[in-house]
């Protein structure tokens, strides 16, 4: 395999690192936001985001992946004019649909909020109107990101993501504080605080788009030069280009919509079932705020890696699949899954053993600390299942099995709904029922995806070094992390210092365990970010 062909994991890692940093920034700014707005305000914030995410998925979200895949395939054939025509067609389609979706969401905010929020509809509509224009901004930004990813460079996307989140963090916290101060006498003070939080999302998207527009302007002369070297035998019409985009994007839209419907359905089920159980609307919003802004926030940070690698792997797998290179396909899938598990297992174990100290460090003692920690402990395993389901979605999309993840997500959703209803109404598990339903949804998708990947590619994942040894190393790390925290806390009586120290120790122990257990060979280490430096250090210390 050539060095050029093997760069996809490095590019995926660049996007993964930026996604992790973006998620971390997103997590960090939600700490002061949570303290300013409170669990009830975060409940309104989260429910408005569920509606926004669904509208974004239906209108624009799948465009980057479709553009990246179609551009990558045409570039490999040196069909540069067709590649550029895909970009122009996608831009026209995406901006039109994005503008329409923004208008529908803005002017129908109260109606849409009422579908899931029940008595809280008016409060949810306030932050939802602030979010609505973001869909149009993202529709343009998504096409630009797809173009660069199709050209096999993740750097513009990575930087724009970071810039977007930095601006988002600053504006969200500032706007939330300002709006709550301005409306401190209003009964809707929590809703205005949530609107301040969503204002950051809009501002971040604007700055991300401006950055990509500048990069595109600089890159445009290169695109023109490439078009002069075009070797296409057939010049695609705009109609053909649009057809290709819609054909590629629709299965992804349906798939991601079904995936994200679980969040909308959870919000609706919780609103309905909590009313049936006699829970007051403010308390209901607060519990959902804990579930969405604490449990889901912390457990989805590691999944950013899977999302990034899933995005990066699609164009590469599409090329290998088109070339009939089965060996290349298997190798890339194996490396991606292993890389994911090396992050997912320690993340899940770490969240399990340090759940309460992490909640206290990040969010303080405001709100229900015990419930937050218990939900994280219970649901930490979802990190592994979501990581696997996300990467296998990318594999299936890359080999043109676009509708398979859709079917699996739909099956899982049908199973998910009665599980949540039974757990909350019969089992009276309330927030715990939401978490168990979240786990079951990811688990079913994960199992069905693996069966399909195995059948489609005659593929079997190596088990011991991919799952067994990383899990063993993670358990060892978890034990060390727990006792490191307890030991440090008894001496210093500082939760924050104890958490940070235990995490540092855990990372060192886990890294050494990976090397000693020979989980990764030299070739795999070289594929990782800073892999060459790590390899040199390991050899100097005689660990390899």
Protein backbone atom coordinates (compact mmCIF):
# COMPACT_ATOMS: atom_id res chain seq x y z
CA UNK A 1 0.00 0.00 0.00
CA UNK A 2 1.39 3.43 -0.95
CA UNK A 3 2.03 6.13 1.60
CA UNK A 4 -0.54 8.35 -0.12
CA UNK A 5 -3.23 5.69 0.11
CA UNK A 6 -2.48 5.17 3.77
CA UNK A 7 -3.03 8.80 4.78
CA UNK A 8 -6.75 8.43 5.38
CA UNK A 9 -6.31 7.43 9.02
CA UNK A 10 -4.04 10.41 9.62
CA UNK A 11 -6.64 12.68 7.99
CA UNK A 12 -9.33 10.98 10.03
CA UNK A 13 -7.20 11.49 13.12
CA UNK A 14 -6.85 15.21 12.36
CA UNK A 15 -10.62 15.47 12.15
CA UNK A 16 -10.96 13.26 15.24
CA UNK A 17 -8.60 15.45 17.27
CA UNK A 18 -10.39 18.62 16.18
CA UNK A 19 -13.75 16.98 16.90
CA UNK A 20 -12.57 15.98 20.36
CA UNK A 21 -11.26 19.48 21.04
CA UNK A 22 -14.51 20.93 19.71
CA UNK A 23 -16.49 18.57 21.93
CA UNK A 24 -14.30 19.45 24.90
CA UNK A 25 -14.86 23.14 24.28
CA UNK A 26 -18.57 22.37 23.93
CA UNK A 27 -18.47 20.49 27.22
CA UNK A 28 -16.45 23.16 29.01
CA UNK A 29 -18.67 26.07 28.00
CA UNK A 30 -21.74 24.12 29.08
CA UNK A 31 -20.34 24.04 32.60
CA UNK A 32 -20.74 27.79 33.20
CA UNK A 33 -23.84 27.75 30.96
CA UNK A 34 -25.36 25.05 33.15
CA UNK A 35 -24.52 27.00 36.28
CA UNK A 36 -26.06 30.18 34.84
CA UNK A 37 -29.17 28.62 33.32
CA UNK A 38 -29.75 25.64 35.66
CA UNK A 39 -31.15 22.17 34.92
CA UNK A 40 -34.58 23.51 33.91
CA UNK A 41 -33.11 25.98 31.43
CA UNK A 42 -30.85 23.25 30.08
CA UNK A 43 -33.94 21.11 29.60
CA UNK A 44 -35.46 23.80 27.34
CA UNK A 45 -32.09 24.23 25.62
CA UNK A 46 -31.79 20.48 24.94
CA UNK A 47 -35.34 20.06 23.66
CA UNK A 48 -34.92 23.00 21.27
CA UNK A 49 -31.71 21.39 20.04
CA UNK A 50 -33.46 18.07 19.39
CA UNK A 51 -35.88 19.86 17.03
CA UNK A 52 -33.08 21.89 15.44
CA UNK A 53 -30.96 18.78 14.87
CA UNK A 54 -33.84 17.00 13.16
CA UNK A 55 -34.48 19.98 10.86
CA UNK A 56 -30.76 20.20 10.13
CA UNK A 57 -30.60 16.49 9.28
CA UNK A 58 -33.58 16.68 6.96
CA UNK A 59 -32.24 19.73 5.14
CA UNK A 60 -28.45 19.89 5.09
CA UNK A 61 -26.61 17.48 7.35
CA UNK A 62 -25.95 14.70 4.84
CA UNK A 63 -24.63 17.03 2.14
CA UNK A 64 -20.95 17.07 3.33
CA UNK A 65 -20.76 13.27 3.22
CA UNK A 66 -22.47 13.07 -0.18
CA UNK A 67 -20.25 15.78 -1.66
CA UNK A 68 -17.05 14.25 -0.20
CA UNK A 69 -17.89 10.81 -1.61
CA UNK A 70 -18.90 12.01 -5.09
CA UNK A 71 -16.00 14.48 -5.41
CA UNK A 72 -13.49 11.84 -4.26
CA UNK A 73 -14.65 9.29 -6.84
CA UNK A 74 -14.58 11.80 -9.72
CA UNK A 75 -11.18 13.19 -8.72
CA UNK A 76 -9.70 9.69 -8.74
CA UNK A 77 -10.87 9.33 -12.35
CA UNK A 78 -9.47 12.82 -13.11
CA UNK A 79 -13.00 14.02 -13.89
CA UNK A 80 -12.28 17.43 -12.39
CA UNK A 81 -15.05 19.31 -14.23
CA UNK A 82 -17.63 16.77 -13.08
CA UNK A 83 -16.23 17.04 -9.58
CA UNK A 84 -16.63 20.83 -9.60
CA UNK A 85 -20.13 20.52 -11.05
CA UNK A 86 -21.07 18.27 -8.13
CA UNK A 87 -19.93 21.04 -5.79
CA UNK A 88 -21.92 23.76 -7.59
CA UNK A 89 -25.05 21.62 -7.77
CA UNK A 90 -24.79 20.70 -4.10
CA UNK A 91 -24.40 24.37 -3.15
CA UNK A 92 -27.52 25.37 -5.09
CA UNK A 93 -29.57 22.51 -3.66
CA UNK A 94 -28.35 22.85 -0.08
CA UNK A 95 -28.81 26.61 0.22
CA UNK A 96 -32.35 26.44 -1.20
CA UNK A 97 -33.42 23.67 1.15
CA UNK A 98 -31.57 25.25 4.09
CA UNK A 99 -33.31 28.60 3.63
CA UNK A 100 -36.70 26.89 3.43
CA UNK A 101 -36.02 24.80 6.56
CA UNK A 102 -34.88 27.86 8.52
CA UNK A 103 -38.07 29.73 7.64
CA UNK A 104 -40.30 26.78 8.56
CA UNK A 105 -38.55 26.33 11.92
CA UNK A 106 -38.56 30.04 12.77
CA UNK A 107 -42.17 30.87 11.92
CA UNK A 108 -43.52 27.55 13.24
CA UNK A 109 -41.39 27.42 16.40
CA UNK A 110 -44.28 27.24 18.87
CA UNK A 111 -46.03 24.54 16.84
CA UNK A 112 -42.92 22.36 16.55
CA UNK A 113 -42.04 22.88 20.23
CA UNK A 114 -45.57 21.79 21.17
CA UNK A 115 -45.06 18.44 19.43
CA UNK A 116 -42.47 17.35 21.96
CA UNK A 117 -42.64 19.88 24.81
CA UNK A 118 -46.27 19.71 25.87
CA UNK A 119 -46.78 22.33 28.59
CA UNK A 120 -43.23 23.63 28.00
CA UNK A 121 -43.85 24.53 24.32
CA UNK A 122 -43.74 28.32 24.76
CA UNK A 123 -40.47 28.11 26.71
CA UNK A 124 -38.84 25.79 24.14
CA UNK A 125 -39.93 28.01 21.22
CA UNK A 126 -37.82 30.97 22.44
CA UNK A 127 -34.38 29.29 22.03
CA UNK A 128 -35.66 27.42 18.94
CA UNK A 129 -36.27 30.69 17.03
CA UNK A 130 -32.70 31.76 17.77
CA UNK A 131 -31.41 28.44 16.37
CA UNK A 132 -33.49 28.51 13.16
CA UNK A 133 -31.18 30.70 10.98
CA UNK A 134 -28.25 28.41 11.80
CA UNK A 135 -29.65 25.79 9.42
CA UNK A 136 -29.20 28.12 6.44
CA UNK A 137 -25.65 28.98 7.55
CA UNK A 138 -24.80 25.31 7.94
CA UNK A 139 -26.25 24.44 4.52
CA UNK A 140 -23.52 26.55 2.90
CA UNK A 141 -20.78 25.53 5.33
CA UNK A 142 -21.56 21.84 4.92
CA UNK A 143 -21.03 21.90 1.15
CA UNK A 144 -17.64 23.62 1.58
CA UNK A 145 -16.58 21.05 4.17
CA UNK A 146 -17.70 18.23 1.89
CA UNK A 147 -15.61 19.63 -0.97
CA UNK A 148 -12.42 19.76 1.11
CA UNK A 149 -13.05 16.29 2.59
CA UNK A 150 -13.58 14.94 -0.92
CA UNK A 151 -10.18 16.41 -1.83
CA UNK A 152 -8.89 14.31 1.10
CA UNK A 153 -7.91 17.18 3.36
CA UNK A 154 -9.63 17.43 6.73
CA UNK A 155 -7.71 20.52 7.88
CA UNK A 156 -10.23 23.21 6.76
CA UNK A 157 -13.07 21.26 8.39
CA UNK A 158 -11.01 20.71 11.54
CA UNK A 159 -10.06 24.39 11.93
CA UNK A 160 -13.57 25.63 11.13
CA UNK A 161 -15.00 23.26 13.76
CA UNK A 162 -12.63 24.61 16.40
CA UNK A 163 -13.28 28.23 15.46
CA UNK A 164 -17.02 27.55 15.47
CA UNK A 165 -16.92 26.09 18.98
CA UNK A 166 -14.66 28.79 20.43
CA UNK A 167 -17.03 31.54 19.24
CA UNK A 168 -19.99 29.41 20.33
CA UNK A 169 -18.58 29.07 23.85
CA UNK A 170 -17.88 32.78 24.31
CA UNK A 171 -21.20 34.00 22.91
CA UNK A 172 -23.32 31.28 24.61
CA UNK A 173 -22.11 32.04 28.11
CA UNK A 174 -22.14 35.82 27.62
CA UNK A 175 -25.57 35.91 25.97
CA UNK A 176 -27.10 33.55 28.55
CA UNK A 177 -25.84 35.72 31.40
CA UNK A 178 -27.02 38.92 29.72
CA UNK A 179 -30.50 37.63 28.80
CA UNK A 180 -31.16 36.13 32.23
CA UNK A 181 -30.12 39.42 33.80
CA UNK A 182 -32.38 41.39 31.44
CA UNK A 183 -35.35 39.06 32.04
CA UNK A 184 -34.82 38.30 35.73
CA UNK A 185 -38.38 39.39 36.55
CA UNK A 186 -39.94 37.21 33.84
CA UNK A 187 -41.54 33.83 34.48
CA UNK A 188 -39.70 32.69 31.35
CA UNK A 189 -36.25 33.58 32.67
CA UNK A 190 -35.00 29.98 32.15
CA UNK A 191 -36.16 30.03 28.52
CA UNK A 192 -34.33 33.31 27.85
CA UNK A 193 -31.20 31.82 29.40
CA UNK A 194 -31.55 28.85 27.04
CA UNK A 195 -31.96 31.29 24.12
CA UNK A 196 -28.65 32.89 25.09
CA UNK A 197 -27.04 29.46 24.87
CA UNK A 198 -28.46 28.84 21.40
CA UNK A 199 -27.30 32.30 20.23
CA UNK A 200 -23.74 30.99 20.55
CA UNK A 201 -24.50 28.20 18.08
CA UNK A 202 -25.64 30.75 15.49
CA UNK A 203 -22.63 33.00 16.05
CA UNK A 204 -20.20 30.07 15.88
CA UNK A 205 -21.70 28.86 12.59
CA UNK A 206 -21.32 32.34 11.07
CA UNK A 207 -17.63 32.53 11.99
CA UNK A 208 -17.00 28.95 10.80
CA UNK A 209 -18.57 29.80 7.44
CA UNK A 210 -16.51 32.99 7.07
CA UNK A 211 -13.31 31.01 7.64
CA UNK A 212 -14.24 28.36 5.04
CA UNK A 213 -15.24 31.06 2.55
CA UNK A 214 -11.77 32.64 2.84
CA UNK A 215 -10.08 29.23 2.36
CA UNK A 216 -12.29 28.45 -0.65
CA UNK A 217 -11.44 31.80 -2.23
CA UNK A 218 -7.73 30.99 -1.90
CA UNK A 219 -8.27 27.43 -3.21
CA UNK A 220 -10.46 28.43 -6.16
CA UNK A 221 -7.58 29.06 -8.63
CA UNK A 222 -6.31 25.52 -7.97
CA UNK A 223 -9.75 24.12 -8.77
CA UNK A 224 -9.74 26.01 -12.08
CA UNK A 225 -6.28 24.68 -12.99
CA UNK A 226 -7.41 21.12 -12.26
CA UNK A 227 -10.45 21.57 -14.47
CA UNK A 228 -8.07 22.32 -17.36
CA UNK A 229 -6.49 18.88 -16.83
CA UNK A 230 -9.86 17.14 -17.00
CA UNK A 231 -9.85 13.65 -18.58
CA UNK A 232 -13.57 12.86 -18.38
CA UNK A 233 -15.09 10.98 -21.29
CA UNK A 234 -18.54 12.24 -20.34
CA UNK A 235 -19.43 15.72 -19.08
CA UNK A 236 -22.20 15.38 -16.50
CA UNK A 237 -25.13 17.76 -16.78
CA UNK A 238 -26.36 19.66 -13.73
CA UNK A 239 -29.40 17.39 -13.70
CA UNK A 240 -27.16 14.31 -13.53
CA UNK A 241 -25.08 15.92 -10.80
CA UNK A 242 -28.17 16.76 -8.74
CA UNK A 243 -29.52 13.24 -9.23
CA UNK A 244 -26.23 11.77 -7.98
CA UNK A 245 -26.27 14.05 -4.93
CA UNK A 246 -29.88 13.23 -4.04
CA UNK A 247 -29.30 9.50 -4.63
CA UNK A 248 -26.25 9.55 -2.34
CA UNK A 249 -27.66 11.91 0.28
CA UNK A 250 -31.18 10.52 0.73
CA UNK A 251 -30.21 7.22 2.37
CA UNK A 252 -27.88 9.13 4.70
CA UNK A 253 -30.63 11.64 5.52
CA UNK A 254 -33.07 8.85 6.30
CA UNK A 255 -30.46 6.91 8.27
CA UNK A 256 -29.30 9.87 10.35
CA UNK A 257 -32.87 11.04 10.82
CA UNK A 258 -33.92 7.66 12.17
CA UNK A 259 -30.82 7.65 14.40
CA UNK A 260 -31.58 11.12 15.74
CA UNK A 261 -35.30 10.47 16.02
CA UNK A 262 -34.41 8.55 19.16
CA UNK A 263 -33.55 11.90 20.79
CA UNK A 264 -36.81 13.53 19.63
CA UNK A 265 -38.80 10.48 20.69
CA UNK A 266 -37.05 10.37 24.08
CA UNK A 267 -37.97 14.03 24.63
CA UNK A 268 -41.59 13.43 23.60
CA UNK A 269 -41.90 10.19 25.56
CA UNK A 270 -40.42 11.80 28.64
CA UNK A 271 -42.75 14.83 28.44
CA UNK A 272 -45.78 12.58 28.00
CA UNK A 273 -44.83 9.91 30.53
CA UNK A 274 -43.70 12.40 33.19
CA UNK A 275 -47.10 14.13 32.91
CA UNK A 276 -48.77 10.73 33.28
CA UNK A 277 -46.64 10.09 36.37
CA UNK A 278 -47.68 13.45 37.86
CA UNK A 279 -44.24 15.09 37.69
CA UNK A 280 -44.37 18.90 37.63
CA UNK A 281 -43.31 20.49 34.32
CA UNK A 282 -40.32 22.34 35.84
CA UNK A 283 -39.09 19.13 37.51
CA UNK A 284 -39.66 17.20 34.28
CA UNK A 285 -37.59 19.74 32.34
CA UNK A 286 -34.86 19.59 35.01
CA UNK A 287 -34.61 15.78 34.83
CA UNK A 288 -34.42 15.88 31.04
CA UNK A 289 -31.79 18.60 31.38
CA UNK A 290 -29.65 16.28 33.53
CA UNK A 291 -30.10 13.42 31.07
CA UNK A 292 -29.28 15.49 27.99
CA UNK A 293 -26.76 18.06 29.23
CA UNK A 294 -24.82 15.92 31.70
CA UNK A 295 -25.20 12.21 30.88
CA UNK A 296 -25.39 12.56 27.09
CA UNK A 297 -22.84 15.36 26.98
CA UNK A 298 -20.15 13.40 28.83
CA UNK A 299 -20.81 10.06 27.15
CA UNK A 300 -20.82 11.48 23.61
CA UNK A 301 -17.44 13.25 23.83
CA UNK A 302 -15.48 10.04 22.98
CA UNK A 303 -17.92 9.26 20.17
CA UNK A 304 -16.56 12.32 18.33
CA UNK A 305 -13.66 10.08 17.26
CA UNK A 306 -16.01 7.53 15.72
CA UNK A 307 -17.94 10.24 13.93
CA UNK A 308 -14.74 11.75 12.54
CA UNK A 309 -13.29 8.41 11.42
CA UNK A 310 -16.66 7.35 10.05
CA UNK A 311 -16.69 10.50 7.91
CA UNK A 312 -13.04 10.13 6.84
CA UNK A 313 -13.33 6.44 5.95
CA UNK A 314 -16.23 6.80 3.47
CA UNK A 315 -14.32 8.29 0.48
CA UNK A 316 -11.39 5.88 0.97
CA UNK A 317 -13.60 2.81 1.26
CA UNK A 318 -15.60 3.97 -1.76
CA UNK A 319 -12.39 4.04 -3.84
CA UNK A 320 -11.15 0.67 -2.56
CA UNK A 321 -14.58 -0.86 -3.14
CA UNK A 322 -14.75 0.51 -6.68
CA UNK A 323 -11.27 -0.87 -7.40
CA UNK A 324 -12.26 -4.28 -5.97
CA UNK A 325 -9.38 -4.11 -3.46
CA UNK A 326 -10.72 -6.45 -0.77
CA UNK A 327 -7.46 -6.56 1.17
CA UNK A 328 -7.34 -2.76 1.39
CA UNK A 329 -10.95 -2.65 2.53
CA UNK A 330 -10.37 -5.18 5.31
CA UNK A 331 -7.22 -3.47 6.51
CA UNK A 332 -8.79 -0.02 6.75
CA UNK A 333 -11.86 -1.35 8.57
CA UNK A 334 -9.73 -3.30 11.04
CA UNK A 335 -7.52 -0.31 11.83
CA UNK A 336 -10.48 2.03 12.23
CA UNK A 337 -12.33 -0.31 14.59
CA UNK A 338 -9.24 -0.96 16.70
CA UNK A 339 -8.44 2.75 16.91
CA UNK A 340 -12.01 3.38 18.06
CA UNK A 341 -11.92 0.70 20.73
CA UNK A 342 -8.63 2.02 22.09
CA UNK A 343 -10.53 5.21 22.92
CA UNK A 344 -14.03 3.88 23.67
CA UNK A 345 -13.10 1.30 26.34
CA UNK A 346 -10.98 3.55 28.59
CA UNK A 347 -13.53 6.37 28.17
CA UNK A 348 -16.35 4.08 29.33
CA UNK A 349 -14.37 2.67 32.27
CA UNK A 350 -13.10 6.12 33.27
CA UNK A 351 -16.62 7.56 33.31
CA UNK A 352 -17.80 4.61 35.39
CA UNK A 353 -15.21 4.89 38.18
CA UNK A 354 -14.99 8.70 38.31
CA UNK A 355 -18.60 9.64 37.52
CA UNK A 356 -19.43 11.57 40.69
CA UNK A 357 -16.07 13.39 41.06
CA UNK A 358 -16.25 14.46 37.39
CA UNK A 359 -19.82 15.76 37.77
CA UNK A 360 -18.84 17.75 40.86
CA UNK A 361 -15.71 19.12 39.19
CA UNK A 362 -17.56 20.20 36.04
CA UNK A 363 -20.96 21.26 37.30
CA UNK A 364 -20.47 21.83 41.03
CA UNK A 365 -23.06 20.83 43.59
CA UNK A 366 -25.90 22.67 41.82
CA UNK A 367 -28.70 20.30 40.81
CA UNK A 368 -29.03 16.60 41.55
CA UNK A 369 -25.41 15.39 41.71
CA UNK A 370 -26.26 11.82 42.74
CA UNK A 371 -28.72 11.33 39.88
CA UNK A 372 -26.26 12.77 37.36
CA UNK A 373 -23.47 10.44 38.53
CA UNK A 374 -25.72 7.37 38.60
CA UNK A 375 -26.94 7.99 35.04
CA UNK A 376 -23.34 8.32 33.81
CA UNK A 377 -22.25 5.10 35.59
CA UNK A 378 -25.23 3.20 34.21
CA UNK A 379 -24.89 4.50 30.66
CA UNK A 380 -21.12 4.61 30.18
CA UNK A 381 -21.19 1.32 28.21
CA UNK A 382 -23.17 3.18 25.52
CA UNK A 383 -19.86 4.83 24.53
CA UNK A 384 -18.61 1.48 23.18
CA UNK A 385 -21.85 0.59 21.40
CA UNK A 386 -22.26 4.01 19.78
CA UNK A 387 -18.60 4.02 18.69
CA UNK A 388 -19.04 0.66 16.97
CA UNK A 389 -22.38 1.52 15.39
CA UNK A 390 -21.03 4.83 14.06
CA UNK A 391 -17.91 3.37 12.46
CA UNK A 392 -19.87 0.47 10.94
CA UNK A 393 -22.37 2.98 9.50
CA UNK A 394 -19.41 4.60 7.75
CA UNK A 395 -18.24 1.22 6.43
CA UNK A 396 -21.67 0.32 5.03
CA UNK A 397 -22.07 3.74 3.41
CA UNK A 398 -18.57 3.47 1.91
CA UNK A 399 -19.39 0.17 0.18
CA UNK A 400 -22.71 1.46 -1.24
CA UNK A 401 -24.92 -0.32 1.29
CA UNK A 402 -26.53 3.06 1.98
CA UNK A 403 -29.96 1.80 3.05
CA UNK A 404 -28.72 -0.93 5.37
CA UNK A 405 -27.98 1.41 8.32
CA UNK A 406 -31.41 2.97 7.75
CA UNK A 407 -33.13 -0.37 8.16
CA UNK A 408 -31.09 -1.21 11.24
CA UNK A 409 -31.77 2.16 12.89
CA UNK A 410 -35.50 1.78 12.18
CA UNK A 411 -35.58 -1.72 13.69
CA UNK A 412 -33.71 -0.47 16.74
CA UNK A 413 -36.09 2.47 17.11
CA UNK A 414 -39.13 0.17 17.01
CA UNK A 415 -37.55 -1.87 19.83
CA UNK A 416 -36.45 1.26 21.70
CA UNK A 417 -39.89 2.85 22.14
CA UNK A 418 -41.66 0.05 24.09
CA UNK A 419 -38.53 -0.47 26.21
CA UNK A 420 -38.57 3.17 27.34
CA UNK A 421 -42.34 3.15 27.96
CA UNK A 422 -42.17 -0.04 30.03
CA UNK A 423 -39.17 1.10 32.03
CA UNK A 424 -40.72 4.48 32.90
CA UNK A 425 -44.40 3.58 33.33
CA UNK A 426 -44.19 0.01 34.68
CA UNK A 427 -40.69 0.00 36.17
CA UNK A 428 -41.01 3.64 37.35
CA UNK A 429 -37.33 4.11 36.52
CA UNK A 430 -37.80 7.63 35.08
CA UNK A 431 -34.38 9.00 33.95
CA UNK A 432 -32.80 5.54 34.34
CA UNK A 433 -35.32 4.26 31.81
CA UNK A 434 -34.15 6.89 29.31
CA UNK A 435 -30.53 5.81 29.78
CA UNK A 436 -31.27 2.09 29.42
CA UNK A 437 -33.28 2.86 26.28
CA UNK A 438 -30.33 4.85 24.93
CA UNK A 439 -28.02 1.87 25.51
CA UNK A 440 -30.41 -0.63 23.91
CA UNK A 441 -30.80 1.53 20.80
CA UNK A 442 -27.04 1.65 20.18
CA UNK A 443 -26.58 -2.05 21.00
CA UNK A 444 -29.18 -3.26 18.49
CA UNK A 445 -27.79 -1.07 15.69
CA UNK A 446 -24.27 -2.23 16.51
CA UNK A 447 -25.16 -5.94 16.32
CA UNK A 448 -27.15 -5.62 13.08
CA UNK A 449 -24.44 -3.51 11.42
CA UNK A 450 -21.72 -6.03 12.25
CA UNK A 451 -23.76 -8.88 10.79
CA UNK A 452 -24.24 -6.92 7.54
CA UNK A 453 -20.56 -5.91 7.26
CA UNK A 454 -19.54 -9.53 7.77
CA UNK A 455 -21.91 -10.80 5.08
CA UNK A 456 -21.18 -8.04 2.54
CA UNK A 457 -17.37 -8.26 2.75
CA UNK A 458 -16.82 -11.73 4.18
CA UNK A 459 -15.17 -9.80 6.98
CA UNK A 460 -14.30 -10.95 10.48
CA UNK A 461 -12.82 -8.56 13.03
CA UNK A 462 -9.79 -9.73 14.99
CA UNK A 463 -11.07 -10.04 18.57
CA UNK A 464 -8.27 -10.23 21.12
CA UNK A 465 -6.19 -7.17 20.18
CA UNK A 466 -9.24 -5.15 19.14
CA UNK A 467 -11.56 -5.86 22.07
CA UNK A 468 -10.06 -8.20 24.68
CA UNK A 469 -6.72 -6.54 25.43
CA UNK A 470 -7.98 -2.91 25.24
CA UNK A 471 -10.72 -3.88 27.70
CA UNK A 472 -8.19 -5.52 30.04
CA UNK A 473 -5.92 -2.46 29.83
CA UNK A 474 -8.93 -0.21 30.49
CA UNK A 475 -9.99 -2.17 33.59
CA UNK A 476 -6.44 -1.94 34.94
CA UNK A 477 -6.49 1.79 34.21
CA UNK A 478 -9.89 2.13 35.94
CA UNK A 479 -8.66 0.46 39.12
CA UNK A 480 -5.59 2.70 39.21
CA UNK A 481 -7.73 5.79 38.52
CA UNK A 482 -10.13 4.97 41.36
CA UNK A 483 -7.44 4.42 43.98
CA UNK A 484 -5.41 7.40 42.73
CA UNK A 485 -8.44 9.62 43.25
CA UNK A 486 -9.24 8.22 46.70
CA UNK A 487 -5.61 8.48 47.85
CA UNK A 488 -5.17 12.04 46.58
CA UNK A 489 -8.52 13.23 47.91
CA UNK A 490 -7.80 11.94 51.42
CA UNK A 491 -4.54 13.87 51.49
CA UNK A 492 -5.52 17.14 49.74
CA UNK A 493 -9.32 17.20 50.18
CA UNK A 494 -9.61 18.82 46.75
CA UNK A 495 -11.96 17.13 44.30
CA UNK A 496 -10.70 18.95 41.19
CA UNK A 497 -7.00 18.29 41.86
CA UNK A 498 -7.75 14.66 42.72
CA UNK A 499 -9.72 14.12 39.50
CA UNK A 500 -7.05 15.73 37.32
CA UNK A 501 -4.25 13.79 39.01
CA UNK A 502 -6.09 10.46 38.73
CA UNK A 503 -6.81 11.09 35.02
CA UNK A 504 -3.13 11.87 34.33
CA UNK A 505 -2.04 8.70 36.15
CA UNK A 506 -4.72 6.68 34.34
CA UNK A 507 -3.59 7.92 30.90
CA UNK A 508 0.03 6.98 31.66
CA UNK A 509 -0.94 3.53 32.97
CA UNK A 510 -3.21 2.90 29.98
CA UNK A 511 -0.55 3.98 27.49
CA UNK A 512 2.06 1.68 29.06
CA UNK A 513 -0.47 -1.18 29.19
CA UNK A 514 -1.21 -0.83 25.46
CA UNK A 515 2.48 -1.02 24.63
CA UNK A 516 3.32 -3.88 27.02
CA UNK A 517 0.35 -5.93 25.81
CA UNK A 518 1.49 -5.41 22.19
CA UNK A 519 -1.97 -4.25 21.19
CA UNK A 520 -0.54 -2.15 18.34
CA UNK A 521 2.38 -3.07 16.09
CA UNK A 522 4.90 -0.62 14.66
CA UNK A 523 3.00 -0.08 11.41
CA UNK A 524 -0.20 0.79 13.29
CA UNK A 525 1.66 3.14 15.63
CA UNK A 526 3.05 5.01 12.64
CA UNK A 527 -0.50 5.58 11.38
CA UNK A 528 -1.49 7.37 14.58
CA UNK A 529 -1.01 11.11 15.18
CA UNK A 530 2.55 11.63 16.53
CA UNK A 531 3.01 7.88 16.00
CA UNK A 532 6.64 8.17 14.87
CA UNK A 533 7.58 10.09 18.03
CA UNK A 534 5.77 7.56 20.21
CA UNK A 535 7.57 4.71 18.45
CA UNK A 536 10.99 6.33 18.99
CA UNK A 537 10.28 6.86 22.71
CA UNK A 538 9.04 3.29 23.15
CA UNK A 539 12.19 1.89 21.51
CA UNK A 540 14.44 4.05 23.68
CA UNK A 541 12.66 2.77 26.78
CA UNK A 542 12.85 -0.81 25.42
CA UNK A 543 9.06 -1.12 25.51
CA UNK A 544 9.07 -2.30 21.88
